[in-house]
C-alpha atoms as a PDB file:
ATOM      1  CA  UNK A   1     -11.432  -1.101 -27.396  1.00  0.00           C
ATOM      2  CA  UNK A   2      -7.796   0.444 -27.375  1.00  0.00           C
ATOM      3  CA  UNK A   3      -6.672   2.580 -25.362  1.00  0.00           C
ATOM      4  CA  UNK A   4      -6.200   5.474 -27.424  1.00  0.00           C
ATOM      5  CA  UNK A   5      -9.818   5.810 -28.290  1.00  0.00           C
ATOM      6  CA  UNK A   6     -10.793   5.524 -24.797  1.00  0.00           C
ATOM      7  CA  UNK A   7      -8.520   8.437 -23.861  1.00  0.00           C
ATOM      8  CA  UNK A   8      -9.546  10.384 -26.483  1.00  0.00           C
ATOM      9  CA  UNK A   9     -13.151  10.073 -25.878  1.00  0.00           C
ATOM     10  CA  UNK A  10     -14.713  13.510 -24.958  1.00  0.00           C
ATOM     11  CA  UNK A  11     -14.915  14.026 -21.254  1.00  0.00           C
ATOM     12  CA  UNK A  12     -18.283  16.186 -21.468  1.00  0.00           C
ATOM     13  CA  UNK A  13     -20.389  12.977 -22.907  1.00  0.00           C
ATOM     14  CA  UNK A  14     -19.621  13.302 -26.807  1.00  0.00           C
ATOM     15  CA  UNK A  15     -18.512  15.492 -29.333  1.00  0.00           C
ATOM     16  CA  UNK A  16     -21.070  18.100 -30.707  1.00  0.00           C
ATOM     17  CA  UNK A  17     -21.376  17.978 -33.831  1.00  0.00           C
ATOM     18  CA  UNK A  18     -24.269  19.490 -36.785  1.00  0.00           C
ATOM     19  CA  UNK A  19     -26.445  16.652 -34.987  1.00  0.00           C
ATOM     20  CA  UNK A  20     -25.651  17.488 -31.848  1.00  0.00           C
ATOM     21  CA  UNK A  21     -23.640  14.870 -29.241  1.00  0.00           C
ATOM     22  CA  UNK A  22     -22.203  12.252 -30.740  1.00  0.00           C
ATOM     23  CA  UNK A  23     -23.783   8.734 -29.206  1.00  0.00           C
ATOM     24  CA  UNK A  24     -21.195   6.464 -30.189  1.00  0.00           C
ATOM     25  CA  UNK A  25     -19.077   8.084 -27.435  1.00  0.00           C
ATOM     26  CA  UNK A  26     -21.600   8.494 -24.579  1.00  0.00           C
ATOM     27  CA  UNK A  27     -22.661   4.716 -24.106  1.00  0.00           C
ATOM     28  CA  UNK A  28     -19.410   3.560 -23.486  1.00  0.00           C
ATOM     29  CA  UNK A  29     -18.487   5.745 -20.580  1.00  0.00           C
ATOM     30  CA  UNK A  30     -22.403   5.246 -19.306  1.00  0.00           C
ATOM     31  CA  UNK A  31     -22.315   1.617 -19.092  1.00  0.00           C
ATOM     32  CA  UNK A  32     -18.630   0.674 -18.642  1.00  0.00           C
ATOM     33  CA  UNK A  33     -18.333  -1.589 -16.381  1.00  0.00           C
ATOM     34  CA  UNK A  34     -15.320  -3.792 -17.095  1.00  0.00           C
ATOM     35  CA  UNK A  35     -11.773  -1.925 -18.253  1.00  0.00           C
ATOM     36  CA  UNK A  36      -8.892  -3.661 -19.104  1.00  0.00           C
ATOM     37  CA  UNK A  37      -5.780  -2.292 -20.134  1.00  0.00           C
ATOM     38  CA  UNK A  38      -2.708  -3.827 -19.070  1.00  0.00           C
ATOM     39  CA  UNK A  39       0.724  -2.759 -19.918  1.00  0.00           C
ATOM     40  CA  UNK A  40      -0.987   0.368 -21.272  1.00  0.00           C
ATOM     41  CA  UNK A  41       0.767   3.637 -21.418  1.00  0.00           C
ATOM     42  CA  UNK A  42      -2.141   5.064 -18.865  1.00  0.00           C
ATOM     43  CA  UNK A  43      -0.951   7.293 -16.423  1.00  0.00           C
ATOM     44  CA  UNK A  44      -2.084   9.215 -13.431  1.00  0.00           C
ATOM     45  CA  UNK A  45      -2.628  12.614 -15.440  1.00  0.00           C
ATOM     46  CA  UNK A  46      -4.968  10.500 -17.720  1.00  0.00           C
ATOM     47  CA  UNK A  47      -6.616   8.796 -15.100  1.00  0.00           C
ATOM     48  CA  UNK A  48      -7.246  12.162 -13.496  1.00  0.00           C
ATOM     49  CA  UNK A  49      -8.894  13.245 -16.620  1.00  0.00           C
ATOM     50  CA  UNK A  50     -10.834   9.925 -17.229  1.00  0.00           C
ATOM     51  CA  UNK A  51     -11.847   8.647 -13.621  1.00  0.00           C
ATOM     52  CA  UNK A  52     -15.286  10.825 -13.229  1.00  0.00           C
ATOM     53  CA  UNK A  53     -16.348   8.829 -16.198  1.00  0.00           C
ATOM     54  CA  UNK A  54     -15.614   5.726 -14.846  1.00  0.00           C
ATOM     55  CA  UNK A  55     -17.953   5.467 -11.790  1.00  0.00           C
ATOM     56  CA  UNK A  56     -20.200   1.908 -13.233  1.00  0.00           C
ATOM     57  CA  UNK A  57     -16.541   0.236 -13.638  1.00  0.00           C
ATOM     58  CA  UNK A  58     -16.623  -3.365 -10.729  1.00  0.00           C
ATOM     59  CA  UNK A  59     -13.918  -4.778 -12.632  1.00  0.00           C
ATOM     60  CA  UNK A  60     -10.132  -3.189 -13.539  1.00  0.00           C
ATOM     61  CA  UNK A  61      -7.044  -4.214 -14.507  1.00  0.00           C
ATOM     62  CA  UNK A  62      -4.571  -1.820 -14.663  1.00  0.00           C
ATOM     63  CA  UNK A  63      -1.933  -4.504 -14.711  1.00  0.00           C
ATOM     64  CA  UNK A  64       1.957  -3.597 -15.534  1.00  0.00           C
ATOM     65  CA  UNK A  65       0.744   0.478 -16.106  1.00  0.00           C
ATOM     66  CA  UNK A  66       4.118   1.777 -15.270  1.00  0.00           C
ATOM     67  CA  UNK A  67       3.098   5.377 -15.485  1.00  0.00           C
ATOM     68  CA  UNK A  68       0.297   4.876 -13.116  1.00  0.00           C
ATOM     69  CA  UNK A  69       0.872   5.336  -9.370  1.00  0.00           C
ATOM     70  CA  UNK A  70      -0.769   5.543  -6.001  1.00  0.00           C
ATOM     71  CA  UNK A  71      -2.547   8.802  -7.440  1.00  0.00           C
ATOM     72  CA  UNK A  72      -4.058   7.451 -10.202  1.00  0.00           C
ATOM     73  CA  UNK A  73      -4.992   4.256  -7.826  1.00  0.00           C
ATOM     74  CA  UNK A  74      -6.406   6.574  -5.091  1.00  0.00           C
ATOM     75  CA  UNK A  75      -8.331   8.391  -8.041  1.00  0.00           C
ATOM     76  CA  UNK A  76      -9.913   5.265  -9.373  1.00  0.00           C
ATOM     77  CA  UNK A  77     -11.021   4.399  -6.089  1.00  0.00           C
ATOM     78  CA  UNK A  78     -12.841   8.134  -5.062  1.00  0.00           C
ATOM     79  CA  UNK A  79     -14.280   7.624  -8.469  1.00  0.00           C
ATOM     80  CA  UNK A  80     -15.578   4.235  -9.110  1.00  0.00           C
ATOM     81  CA  UNK A  81     -17.552   3.340  -5.567  1.00  0.00           C
ATOM     82  CA  UNK A  82     -18.748  -0.125  -7.090  1.00  0.00           C
ATOM     83  CA  UNK A  83     -15.415  -1.407  -8.028  1.00  0.00           C
ATOM     84  CA  UNK A  84     -15.131  -4.591  -6.793  1.00  0.00           C
ATOM     85  CA  UNK A  85     -12.446  -6.274  -8.723  1.00  0.00           C
ATOM     86  CA  UNK A  86      -9.240  -4.778  -9.216  1.00  0.00           C
ATOM     87  CA  UNK A  87      -6.345  -6.698 -10.387  1.00  0.00           C
ATOM     88  CA  UNK A  88      -2.693  -4.750 -10.259  1.00  0.00           C
ATOM     89  CA  UNK A  89       0.426  -6.401 -11.560  1.00  0.00           C
ATOM     90  CA  UNK A  90       3.626  -4.683 -11.684  1.00  0.00           C
ATOM     91  CA  UNK A  91       6.854  -6.201 -11.941  1.00  0.00           C
ATOM     92  CA  UNK A  92       7.427 -10.068 -12.741  1.00  0.00           C
ATOM     93  CA  UNK A  93       8.958 -10.602  -9.809  1.00  0.00           C
ATOM     94  CA  UNK A  94       9.445  -8.261  -6.390  1.00  0.00           C
ATOM     95  CA  UNK A  95      13.368  -9.579  -5.997  1.00  0.00           C
ATOM     96  CA  UNK A  96      13.224  -7.924  -2.997  1.00  0.00           C
ATOM     97  CA  UNK A  97      15.926  -5.662  -4.017  1.00  0.00           C
ATOM     98  CA  UNK A  98      13.200  -2.671  -4.425  1.00  0.00           C
ATOM     99  CA  UNK A  99      12.734  -0.374  -1.100  1.00  0.00           C
ATOM    100  CA  UNK A 100       9.160  -0.884   0.395  1.00  0.00           C
ATOM    101  CA  UNK A 101       6.688   1.044  -0.684  1.00  0.00           C
ATOM    102  CA  UNK A 102       2.865   1.280   0.876  1.00  0.00           C
ATOM    103  CA  UNK A 103       1.623   3.977  -1.117  1.00  0.00           C
ATOM    104  CA  UNK A 104      -0.525   2.010  -3.572  1.00  0.00           C
ATOM    105  CA  UNK A 105      -1.890  -0.258  -0.670  1.00  0.00           C
ATOM    106  CA  UNK A 106      -2.892   2.812   1.289  1.00  0.00           C
ATOM    107  CA  UNK A 107      -4.418   4.318  -1.868  1.00  0.00           C
ATOM    108  CA  UNK A 108      -6.636   0.902  -2.235  1.00  0.00           C
ATOM    109  CA  UNK A 109      -6.758   0.595   1.925  1.00  0.00           C
ATOM    110  CA  UNK A 110      -8.269   4.234   1.750  1.00  0.00           C
ATOM    111  CA  UNK A 111     -10.688   4.678  -1.174  1.00  0.00           C
ATOM    112  CA  UNK A 112     -12.012   1.150  -2.336  1.00  0.00           C
ATOM    113  CA  UNK A 113     -13.648  -0.032   1.226  1.00  0.00           C
ATOM    114  CA  UNK A 114     -16.192  -2.008  -1.469  1.00  0.00           C
ATOM    115  CA  UNK A 115     -13.187  -4.988  -2.712  1.00  0.00           C
ATOM    116  CA  UNK A 116     -14.656  -8.379  -2.725  1.00  0.00           C
ATOM    117  CA  UNK A 117     -11.370  -9.774  -4.888  1.00  0.00           C
ATOM    118  CA  UNK A 118      -8.218  -8.094  -4.989  1.00  0.00           C
ATOM    119  CA  UNK A 119      -5.165  -9.839  -6.824  1.00  0.00           C
ATOM    120  CA  UNK A 120      -1.945  -8.161  -6.489  1.00  0.00           C
ATOM    121  CA  UNK A 121       1.489  -8.767  -7.767  1.00  0.00           C
ATOM    122  CA  UNK A 122       5.014  -8.065  -8.182  1.00  0.00           C
ATOM    123  CA  UNK A 123       4.739  -4.956  -5.489  1.00  0.00           C
ATOM    124  CA  UNK A 124       7.281  -3.866  -3.215  1.00  0.00           C
ATOM    125  CA  UNK A 125       4.448  -3.382  -0.338  1.00  0.00           C
ATOM    126  CA  UNK A 126       4.574  -4.541   3.095  1.00  0.00           C
ATOM    127  CA  UNK A 127       2.911  -6.466   5.832  1.00  0.00           C
ATOM    128  CA  UNK A 128       1.710  -3.241   7.451  1.00  0.00           C
ATOM    129  CA  UNK A 129       0.211  -1.993   3.936  1.00  0.00           C
ATOM    130  CA  UNK A 130      -1.608  -5.207   3.487  1.00  0.00           C
ATOM    131  CA  UNK A 131      -2.801  -5.176   7.097  1.00  0.00           C
ATOM    132  CA  UNK A 132      -4.475  -1.732   6.255  1.00  0.00           C
ATOM    133  CA  UNK A 133      -6.089  -3.352   3.041  1.00  0.00           C
ATOM    134  CA  UNK A 134      -7.680  -6.154   5.250  1.00  0.00           C
ATOM    135  CA  UNK A 135      -8.656  -3.715   8.166  1.00  0.00           C
ATOM    136  CA  UNK A 136     -10.360  -1.299   5.718  1.00  0.00           C
ATOM    137  CA  UNK A 137     -11.956  -3.999   2.897  1.00  0.00           C
ATOM    138  CA  UNK A 138     -14.260  -5.542   4.965  1.00  0.00           C
ATOM    139  CA  UNK A 139     -16.330  -6.968   2.267  1.00  0.00           C
ATOM    140  CA  UNK A 140     -13.031  -8.868   1.164  1.00  0.00           C
ATOM    141  CA  UNK A 141     -13.693 -12.271   0.335  1.00  0.00           C
ATOM    142  CA  UNK A 142     -10.692 -13.094  -2.147  1.00  0.00           C
ATOM    143  CA  UNK A 143      -6.839 -11.777  -1.515  1.00  0.00           C
ATOM    144  CA  UNK A 144      -4.133 -13.225  -4.113  1.00  0.00           C
ATOM    145  CA  UNK A 145      -1.036 -11.550  -3.236  1.00  0.00           C
ATOM    146  CA  UNK A 146       2.093 -13.176  -4.959  1.00  0.00           C
ATOM    147  CA  UNK A 147       5.888 -12.265  -5.729  1.00  0.00           C
ATOM    148  CA  UNK A 148       5.275  -9.332  -2.879  1.00  0.00           C
ATOM    149  CA  UNK A 149       8.602 -10.378  -1.176  1.00  0.00           C
ATOM    150  CA  UNK A 150       7.957  -7.713   1.699  1.00  0.00           C
ATOM    151  CA  UNK A 151       4.600  -9.228   2.878  1.00  0.00           C
ATOM    152  CA  UNK A 152       5.381 -11.975   5.593  1.00  0.00           C
ATOM    153  CA  UNK A 153       1.949 -14.048   5.793  1.00  0.00           C
ATOM    154  CA  UNK A 154       2.593 -15.200   9.152  1.00  0.00           C
ATOM    155  CA  UNK A 155       2.497 -11.289   9.986  1.00  0.00           C
ATOM    156  CA  UNK A 156      -0.577 -10.785   9.052  1.00  0.00           C
ATOM    157  CA  UNK A 157      -2.353 -12.468  12.124  1.00  0.00           C
ATOM    158  CA  UNK A 158      -5.317 -14.846  11.909  1.00  0.00           C
ATOM    159  CA  UNK A 159      -7.757 -14.674   9.153  1.00  0.00           C
ATOM    160  CA  UNK A 160     -11.079 -12.833   9.538  1.00  0.00           C
ATOM    161  CA  UNK A 161     -14.305 -14.682  10.126  1.00  0.00           C
END
């Protein structure tokens, strides 16, 4: 399923024609557990329109979705209560020149407490942002941070037991 067909699905459960609701538009929303849309043009405003229909999603890959930010992640977290494995890669490499930003880390920490597996790459989040995630996501079993130059591993403290 490509993103345009996903985004143009009617938000209320299908188009109504002479035969009633179009069933092919209902099932993907009701049963959708995995959403992989890296490098798409999805934005915070599109997430705002569809997040309520993603309540069963457990795996999400929104890597390199440059038009989506912390607000979109917050909406996903508030609506996808079963989400366990988000994947968010951004720039190929955080060179350290970018200003530190913890807005996406805060969105994850405050709205996604049931995460088990988190994969983040190329972000300018800080050690404090990662601490917030670790403190809020008590079920987190796997954390992969790569190319996040503002996160200092030795500053994260001892591993949880």
